[in-house]
């Protein structure tokens, strides 16, 4: 099993409604992902983000809050952040 984690590159192969069929750039894994979870960026922007990451999620699921203090979602173990 594999999954695309926050900040990792995927290539969009097909779009159906709110879902995109993607291929994970690092290992070639194929799967569906919700379009709001994707952010289009250039290769250099991706490299800049990945280079700036200096922290890694060590919890099973890390709660993430928006600026208003409401729960925005959860990040899984292994996600790199800055």
PDB file of N, CA and C in Angstrom:
ATOM      1  N   UNK A   1       0.841  -1.185   0.000  1.00  0.00           N
ATOM      2  CA  UNK A   1       0.000   0.000   0.000  1.00  0.00           C
ATOM      3  C   UNK A   1       0.878   1.237   0.000  1.00  0.00           C
ATOM      4  N   UNK A   2       0.397   2.214  -0.673  1.00  0.00           N
ATOM      5  CA  UNK A   2       1.077   3.499  -0.736  1.00  0.00           C
ATOM      6  C   UNK A   2       0.017   4.581  -0.678  1.00  0.00           C
ATOM      7  N   UNK A   3       0.465   5.778  -0.395  1.00  0.00           N
ATOM      8  CA  UNK A   3      -0.438   6.918  -0.439  1.00  0.00           C
ATOM      9  C   UNK A   3       0.377   8.158  -0.706  1.00  0.00           C
ATOM     10  N   UNK A   4      -0.241   9.129  -1.305  1.00  0.00           N
ATOM     11  CA  UNK A   4       0.404  10.416  -1.510  1.00  0.00           C
ATOM     12  C   UNK A   4       0.206  11.228  -0.240  1.00  0.00           C
ATOM     13  N   UNK A   5       1.285  11.729   0.300  1.00  0.00           N
ATOM     14  CA  UNK A   5       1.222  12.538   1.500  1.00  0.00           C
ATOM     15  C   UNK A   5       1.281  14.020   1.138  1.00  0.00           C
ATOM     16  N   UNK A   6       0.831  14.849   2.045  1.00  0.00           N
ATOM     17  CA  UNK A   6       0.874  16.296   1.868  1.00  0.00           C
ATOM     18  C   UNK A   6       2.281  16.714   1.461  1.00  0.00           C
ATOM     19  N   UNK A   7       2.396  17.477   0.371  1.00  0.00           N
ATOM     20  CA  UNK A   7       3.689  17.974  -0.079  1.00  0.00           C
ATOM     21  C   UNK A   7       4.406  17.091  -1.072  1.00  0.00           C
ATOM     22  N   UNK A   8       3.843  15.926  -1.391  1.00  0.00           N
ATOM     23  CA  UNK A   8       4.458  15.046  -2.375  1.00  0.00           C
ATOM     24  C   UNK A   8       3.853  15.290  -3.752  1.00  0.00           C
ATOM     25  N   UNK A   9       4.629  15.024  -4.783  1.00  0.00           N
ATOM     26  CA  UNK A   9       4.192  15.297  -6.152  1.00  0.00           C
ATOM     27  C   UNK A   9       3.383  14.143  -6.730  1.00  0.00           C
ATOM     28  N   UNK A  10       2.298  14.506  -7.406  1.00  0.00           N
ATOM     29  CA  UNK A  10       1.506  13.545  -8.177  1.00  0.00           C
ATOM     30  C   UNK A  10       1.234  14.156  -9.543  1.00  0.00           C
ATOM     31  N   UNK A  11       0.996  13.294 -10.506  1.00  0.00           N
ATOM     32  CA  UNK A  11       0.607  13.747 -11.840  1.00  0.00           C
ATOM     33  C   UNK A  11      -0.856  13.393 -12.043  1.00  0.00           C
ATOM     34  N   UNK A  12      -1.665  14.376 -12.415  1.00  0.00           N
ATOM     35  CA  UNK A  12      -3.087  14.140 -12.658  1.00  0.00           C
ATOM     36  C   UNK A  12      -3.243  13.520 -14.039  1.00  0.00           C
ATOM     37  N   UNK A  13      -3.875  12.337 -14.085  1.00  0.00           N
ATOM     38  CA  UNK A  13      -4.077  11.618 -15.337  1.00  0.00           C
ATOM     39  C   UNK A  13      -5.495  11.765 -15.873  1.00  0.00           C
ATOM     40  N   UNK A  14      -6.458  11.943 -14.960  1.00  0.00           N
ATOM     41  CA  UNK A  14      -7.870  12.035 -15.355  1.00  0.00           C
ATOM     42  C   UNK A  14      -8.637  12.728 -14.245  1.00  0.00           C
ATOM     43  N   UNK A  15      -9.702  13.435 -14.612  1.00  0.00           N
ATOM     44  CA  UNK A  15     -10.566  14.097 -13.634  1.00  0.00           C
ATOM     45  C   UNK A  15     -11.995  13.624 -13.859  1.00  0.00           C
ATOM     46  N   UNK A  16     -12.668  13.250 -12.764  1.00  0.00           N
ATOM     47  CA  UNK A  16     -14.081  12.864 -12.797  1.00  0.00           C
ATOM     48  C   UNK A  16     -14.778  13.536 -11.632  1.00  0.00           C
ATOM     49  N   UNK A  17     -15.528  14.566 -11.932  1.00  0.00           N
ATOM     50  CA  UNK A  17     -16.232  15.296 -10.867  1.00  0.00           C
ATOM     51  C   UNK A  17     -15.236  15.906  -9.901  1.00  0.00           C
ATOM     52  N   UNK A  18     -15.363  15.561  -8.643  1.00  0.00           N
ATOM     53  CA  UNK A  18     -14.492  16.099  -7.592  1.00  0.00           C
ATOM     54  C   UNK A  18     -13.279  15.213  -7.320  1.00  0.00           C
ATOM     55  N   UNK A  19     -13.044  14.224  -8.185  1.00  0.00           N
ATOM     56  CA  UNK A  19     -11.945  13.281  -7.976  1.00  0.00           C
ATOM     57  C   UNK A  19     -10.972  13.325  -9.144  1.00  0.00           C
ATOM     58  N   UNK A  20      -9.691  13.083  -8.833  1.00  0.00           N
ATOM     59  CA  UNK A  20      -8.652  13.009  -9.858  1.00  0.00           C
ATOM     60  C   UNK A  20      -7.936  11.661  -9.741  1.00  0.00           C
ATOM     61  N   UNK A  21      -7.721  11.015 -10.882  1.00  0.00           N
ATOM     62  CA  UNK A  21      -6.933   9.779 -10.961  1.00  0.00           C
ATOM     63  C   UNK A  21      -5.492  10.245 -11.128  1.00  0.00           C
ATOM     64  N   UNK A  22      -4.623   9.906 -10.150  1.00  0.00           N
ATOM     65  CA  UNK A  22      -3.266  10.446 -10.143  1.00  0.00           C
ATOM     66  C   UNK A  22      -2.229   9.336 -10.075  1.00  0.00           C
ATOM     67  N   UNK A  23      -1.018   9.707 -10.465  1.00  0.00           N
ATOM     68  CA  UNK A  23       0.128   8.810 -10.322  1.00  0.00           C
ATOM     69  C   UNK A  23       1.152   9.502  -9.434  1.00  0.00           C
ATOM     70  N   UNK A  24       1.552   8.815  -8.377  1.00  0.00           N
ATOM     71  CA  UNK A  24       2.551   9.334  -7.447  1.00  0.00           C
ATOM     72  C   UNK A  24       3.899   9.367  -8.163  1.00  0.00           C
ATOM     73  N   UNK A  25       4.537  10.527  -8.210  1.00  0.00           N
ATOM     74  CA  UNK A  25       5.767  10.701  -8.976  1.00  0.00           C
ATOM     75  C   UNK A  25       6.897   9.825  -8.435  1.00  0.00           C
ATOM     76  N   UNK A  26       7.009   9.700  -7.121  1.00  0.00           N
ATOM     77  CA  UNK A  26       8.140   8.987  -6.524  1.00  0.00           C
ATOM     78  C   UNK A  26       8.108   7.485  -6.770  1.00  0.00           C
ATOM     79  N   UNK A  27       6.933   6.851  -6.621  1.00  0.00           N
ATOM     80  CA  UNK A  27       6.901   5.389  -6.741  1.00  0.00           C
ATOM     81  C   UNK A  27       5.946   4.854  -7.803  1.00  0.00           C
ATOM     82  N   UNK A  28       5.261   5.746  -8.530  1.00  0.00           N
ATOM     83  CA  UNK A  28       4.385   5.321  -9.616  1.00  0.00           C
ATOM     84  C   UNK A  28       3.030   4.809  -9.189  1.00  0.00           C
ATOM     85  N   UNK A  29       2.728   4.819  -7.886  1.00  0.00           N
ATOM     86  CA  UNK A  29       1.450   4.327  -7.376  1.00  0.00           C
ATOM     87  C   UNK A  29       0.299   5.098  -7.997  1.00  0.00           C
ATOM     88  N   UNK A  30      -0.760   4.416  -8.376  1.00  0.00           N
ATOM     89  CA  UNK A  30      -1.951   5.022  -8.970  1.00  0.00           C
ATOM     90  C   UNK A  30      -3.097   5.014  -7.968  1.00  0.00           C
ATOM     91  N   UNK A  31      -3.887   6.086  -7.961  1.00  0.00           N
ATOM     92  CA  UNK A  31      -5.043   6.115  -7.082  1.00  0.00           C
ATOM     93  C   UNK A  31      -5.860   7.380  -7.276  1.00  0.00           C
ATOM     94  N   UNK A  32      -7.030   7.392  -6.635  1.00  0.00           N
ATOM     95  CA  UNK A  32      -7.933   8.540  -6.695  1.00  0.00           C
ATOM     96  C   UNK A  32      -7.666   9.458  -5.513  1.00  0.00           C
ATOM     97  N   UNK A  33      -7.779  10.767  -5.756  1.00  0.00           N
ATOM     98  CA  UNK A  33      -7.622  11.756  -4.696  1.00  0.00           C
ATOM     99  C   UNK A  33      -8.641  12.871  -4.949  1.00  0.00           C
ATOM    100  N   UNK A  34      -9.177  13.428  -3.876  1.00  0.00           N
ATOM    101  CA  UNK A  34     -10.135  14.520  -4.034  1.00  0.00           C
ATOM    102  C   UNK A  34      -9.405  15.765  -4.534  1.00  0.00           C
ATOM    103  N   UNK A  35     -10.001  16.436  -5.512  1.00  0.00           N
ATOM    104  CA  UNK A  35      -9.369  17.592  -6.151  1.00  0.00           C
ATOM    105  C   UNK A  35      -9.014  18.701  -5.151  1.00  0.00           C
ATOM    106  N   UNK A  36      -9.843  18.989  -4.127  1.00  0.00           N
ATOM    107  CA  UNK A  36      -9.445  20.047  -3.186  1.00  0.00           C
ATOM    108  C   UNK A  36      -8.142  19.750  -2.434  1.00  0.00           C
ATOM    109  N   UNK A  37      -7.691  18.504  -2.426  1.00  0.00           N
ATOM    110  CA  UNK A  37      -6.438  18.148  -1.757  1.00  0.00           C
ATOM    111  C   UNK A  37      -5.223  18.431  -2.629  1.00  0.00           C
ATOM    112  N   UNK A  38      -5.455  18.836  -3.878  1.00  0.00           N
ATOM    113  CA  UNK A  38      -4.354  19.077  -4.809  1.00  0.00           C
ATOM    114  C   UNK A  38      -4.039  20.566  -4.918  1.00  0.00           C
ATOM    115  N   UNK A  39      -2.785  20.859  -5.159  1.00  0.00           N
ATOM    116  CA  UNK A  39      -2.341  22.236  -5.399  1.00  0.00           C
ATOM    117  C   UNK A  39      -1.409  22.220  -6.601  1.00  0.00           C
ATOM    118  N   UNK A  40      -1.801  22.909  -7.661  1.00  0.00           N
ATOM    119  CA  UNK A  40      -0.959  22.975  -8.862  1.00  0.00           C
ATOM    120  C   UNK A  40       0.239  23.881  -8.567  1.00  0.00           C
ATOM    121  N   UNK A  41       1.436  23.402  -8.901  1.00  0.00           N
ATOM    122  CA  UNK A  41       2.627  24.221  -8.692  1.00  0.00           C
ATOM    123  C   UNK A  41       3.707  23.832  -9.695  1.00  0.00           C
ATOM    124  N   UNK A  42       4.707  24.677  -9.796  1.00  0.00           N
ATOM    125  CA  UNK A  42       5.832  24.394 -10.690  1.00  0.00           C
ATOM    126  C   UNK A  42       6.799  23.433 -10.001  1.00  0.00           C
ATOM    127  N   UNK A  43       7.676  22.837 -10.785  1.00  0.00           N
ATOM    128  CA  UNK A  43       8.695  21.951 -10.218  1.00  0.00           C
ATOM    129  C   UNK A  43       9.561  22.695  -9.206  1.00  0.00           C
ATOM    130  N   UNK A  44       9.920  23.935  -9.520  1.00  0.00           N
ATOM    131  CA  UNK A  44      10.787  24.694  -8.606  1.00  0.00           C
ATOM    132  C   UNK A  44      10.068  25.034  -7.301  1.00  0.00           C
ATOM    133  N   UNK A  45       8.770  25.312  -7.359  1.00  0.00           N
ATOM    134  CA  UNK A  45       8.000  25.569  -6.141  1.00  0.00           C
ATOM    135  C   UNK A  45       7.956  24.323  -5.268  1.00  0.00           C
ATOM    136  N   UNK A  46       7.771  23.166  -5.885  1.00  0.00           N
ATOM    137  CA  UNK A  46       7.751  21.904  -5.138  1.00  0.00           C
ATOM    138  C   UNK A  46       9.096  21.662  -4.466  1.00  0.00           C
ATOM    139  N   UNK A  47      10.173  21.840  -5.195  1.00  0.00           N
ATOM    140  CA  UNK A  47      11.513  21.638  -4.633  1.00  0.00           C
ATOM    141  C   UNK A  47      11.758  22.624  -3.491  1.00  0.00           C
ATOM    142  N   UNK A  48      11.364  23.882  -3.669  1.00  0.00           N
ATOM    143  CA  UNK A  48      11.519  24.885  -2.606  1.00  0.00           C
ATOM    144  C   UNK A  48      10.767  24.466  -1.351  1.00  0.00           C
ATOM    145  N   UNK A  49       9.525  23.998  -1.507  1.00  0.00           N
ATOM    146  CA  UNK A  49       8.731  23.558  -0.350  1.00  0.00           C
ATOM    147  C   UNK A  49       9.402  22.379   0.336  1.00  0.00           C
ATOM    148  N   UNK A  50       9.770  21.361  -0.448  1.00  0.00           N
ATOM    149  CA  UNK A  50      10.359  20.163   0.133  1.00  0.00           C
ATOM    150  C   UNK A  50      11.688  20.467   0.819  1.00  0.00           C
ATOM    151  N   UNK A  51      12.453  21.408   0.271  1.00  0.00           N
ATOM    152  CA  UNK A  51      13.731  21.798   0.874  1.00  0.00           C
ATOM    153  C   UNK A  51      13.511  22.529   2.197  1.00  0.00           C
ATOM    154  N   UNK A  52      12.440  23.317   2.278  1.00  0.00           N
ATOM    155  CA  UNK A  52      12.153  24.102   3.486  1.00  0.00           C
ATOM    156  C   UNK A  52      11.607  23.242   4.629  1.00  0.00           C
ATOM    157  N   UNK A  53      11.133  22.046   4.350  1.00  0.00           N
ATOM    158  CA  UNK A  53      10.555  21.195   5.387  1.00  0.00           C
ATOM    159  C   UNK A  53      11.626  20.804   6.404  1.00  0.00           C
ATOM    160  N   UNK A  54      11.345  21.062   7.668  1.00  0.00           N
ATOM    161  CA  UNK A  54      12.296  20.725   8.718  1.00  0.00           C
ATOM    162  C   UNK A  54      11.626  19.995   9.877  1.00  0.00           C
ATOM    163  N   UNK A  55      10.406  19.507   9.661  1.00  0.00           N
ATOM    164  CA  UNK A  55       9.679  18.765  10.688  1.00  0.00           C
ATOM    165  C   UNK A  55       8.936  17.617  10.023  1.00  0.00           C
ATOM    166  N   UNK A  56       8.672  16.581  10.790  1.00  0.00           N
ATOM    167  CA  UNK A  56       7.976  15.402  10.269  1.00  0.00           C
ATOM    168  C   UNK A  56       6.938  14.958  11.298  1.00  0.00           C
ATOM    169  N   UNK A  57       5.721  14.665  10.853  1.00  0.00           N
ATOM    170  CA  UNK A  57       4.662  14.208  11.753  1.00  0.00           C
ATOM    171  C   UNK A  57       5.066  12.860  12.346  1.00  0.00           C
ATOM    172  N   UNK A  58       5.079  12.780  13.673  1.00  0.00           N
ATOM    173  CA  UNK A  58       5.458  11.555  14.373  1.00  0.00           C
ATOM    174  C   UNK A  58       4.264  10.889  15.063  1.00  0.00           C
ATOM    175  N   UNK A  59       3.097  11.523  14.990  1.00  0.00           N
ATOM    176  CA  UNK A  59       1.878  10.957  15.572  1.00  0.00           C
ATOM    177  C   UNK A  59       1.133  10.174  14.500  1.00  0.00           C
ATOM    178  N   UNK A  60       0.235   9.282  14.927  1.00  0.00           N
ATOM    179  CA  UNK A  60      -0.558   8.529  13.949  1.00  0.00           C
ATOM    180  C   UNK A  60      -1.365   9.479  13.076  1.00  0.00           C
ATOM    181  N   UNK A  61      -2.055  10.432  13.695  1.00  0.00           N
ATOM    182  CA  UNK A  61      -2.794  11.482  12.989  1.00  0.00           C
ATOM    183  C   UNK A  61      -2.633  12.779  13.767  1.00  0.00           C
ATOM    184  N   UNK A  62      -2.135  13.811  13.106  1.00  0.00           N
ATOM    185  CA  UNK A  62      -1.902  15.102  13.745  1.00  0.00           C
ATOM    186  C   UNK A  62      -3.034  16.058  13.380  1.00  0.00           C
ATOM    187  N   UNK A  63      -3.810  16.542  14.373  1.00  0.00           N
ATOM    188  CA  UNK A  63      -4.867  17.512  14.070  1.00  0.00           C
ATOM    189  C   UNK A  63      -4.257  18.815  13.542  1.00  0.00           C
ATOM    190  N   UNK A  64      -4.901  19.415  12.540  1.00  0.00           N
ATOM    191  CA  UNK A  64      -4.458  20.678  11.959  1.00  0.00           C
ATOM    192  C   UNK A  64      -5.618  21.665  12.068  1.00  0.00           C
ATOM    193  N   UNK A  65      -5.302  22.879  12.526  1.00  0.00           N
ATOM    194  CA  UNK A  65      -6.328  23.883  12.750  1.00  0.00           C
ATOM    195  C   UNK A  65      -6.135  25.071  11.818  1.00  0.00           C
ATOM    196  N   UNK A  66      -7.233  25.698  11.394  1.00  0.00           N
ATOM    197  CA  UNK A  66      -7.147  26.892  10.551  1.00  0.00           C
ATOM    198  C   UNK A  66      -6.908  28.112  11.436  1.00  0.00           C
ATOM    199  N   UNK A  67      -6.791  29.279  10.823  1.00  0.00           N
ATOM    200  CA  UNK A  67      -6.486  30.501  11.570  1.00  0.00           C
ATOM    201  C   UNK A  67      -7.577  30.887  12.562  1.00  0.00           C
ATOM    202  N   UNK A  68      -8.795  30.410  12.323  1.00  0.00           N
ATOM    203  CA  UNK A  68      -9.905  30.703  13.238  1.00  0.00           C
ATOM    204  C   UNK A  68      -9.938  29.730  14.419  1.00  0.00           C
ATOM    205  N   UNK A  69      -9.071  28.718  14.410  1.00  0.00           N
ATOM    206  CA  UNK A  69      -9.012  27.754  15.500  1.00  0.00           C
ATOM    207  C   UNK A  69      -9.880  26.528  15.300  1.00  0.00           C
ATOM    208  N   UNK A  70     -10.533  26.405  14.141  1.00  0.00           N
ATOM    209  CA  UNK A  70     -11.373  25.244  13.856  1.00  0.00           C
ATOM    210  C   UNK A  70     -10.527  24.119  13.254  1.00  0.00           C
ATOM    211  N   UNK A  71     -10.900  22.899  13.547  1.00  0.00           N
ATOM    212  CA  UNK A  71     -10.199  21.747  12.992  1.00  0.00           C
ATOM    213  C   UNK A  71     -10.331  21.745  11.476  1.00  0.00           C
ATOM    214  N   UNK A  72      -9.201  21.744  10.766  1.00  0.00           N
ATOM    215  CA  UNK A  72      -9.202  21.764   9.300  1.00  0.00           C
ATOM    216  C   UNK A  72      -8.968  20.382   8.717  1.00  0.00           C
ATOM    217  N   UNK A  73      -8.471  19.464   9.507  1.00  0.00           N
ATOM    218  CA  UNK A  73      -8.197  18.112   9.034  1.00  0.00           C
ATOM    219  C   UNK A  73      -7.135  17.464   9.895  1.00  0.00           C
ATOM    220  N   UNK A  74      -6.620  16.336   9.423  1.00  0.00           N
ATOM    221  CA  UNK A  74      -5.582  15.607  10.144  1.00  0.00           C
ATOM    222  C   UNK A  74      -4.520  15.154   9.157  1.00  0.00           C
ATOM    223  N   UNK A  75      -3.269  15.247   9.562  1.00  0.00           N
ATOM    224  CA  UNK A  75      -2.156  14.808   8.731  1.00  0.00           C
ATOM    225  C   UNK A  75      -1.620  13.482   9.258  1.00  0.00           C
ATOM    226  N   UNK A  76      -1.353  12.517   8.380  1.00  0.00           N
ATOM    227  CA  UNK A  76      -0.881  11.202   8.816  1.00  0.00           C
ATOM    228  C   UNK A  76       0.627  11.187   9.119  1.00  0.00           C
ATOM    229  N   UNK A  77       1.038  10.160   9.801  1.00  0.00           N
ATOM    230  CA  UNK A  77       2.433   9.908  10.143  1.00  0.00           C
ATOM    231  C   UNK A  77       3.303  10.023   8.876  1.00  0.00           C
ATOM    232  N   UNK A  78       4.433  10.694   8.993  1.00  0.00           N
ATOM    233  CA  UNK A  78       5.387  10.786   7.894  1.00  0.00           C
ATOM    234  C   UNK A  78       5.309  12.025   7.049  1.00  0.00           C
ATOM    235  N   UNK A  79       4.263  12.842   7.209  1.00  0.00           N
ATOM    236  CA  UNK A  79       4.142  14.064   6.417  1.00  0.00           C
ATOM    237  C   UNK A  79       5.227  15.038   6.864  1.00  0.00           C
ATOM    238  N   UNK A  80       5.914  15.639   5.892  1.00  0.00           N
ATOM    239  CA  UNK A  80       6.969  16.609   6.171  1.00  0.00           C
ATOM    240  C   UNK A  80       6.378  18.019   6.121  1.00  0.00           C
ATOM    241  N   UNK A  81       6.748  18.842   7.082  1.00  0.00           N
ATOM    242  CA  UNK A  81       6.227  20.202   7.221  1.00  0.00           C
ATOM    243  C   UNK A  81       7.358  21.180   7.505  1.00  0.00           C
ATOM    244  N   UNK A  82       7.064  22.462   7.303  1.00  0.00           N
ATOM    245  CA  UNK A  82       8.004  23.495   7.740  1.00  0.00           C
ATOM    246  C   UNK A  82       7.298  24.486   8.596  1.00  0.00           C
TER     247      UNK A  82
END
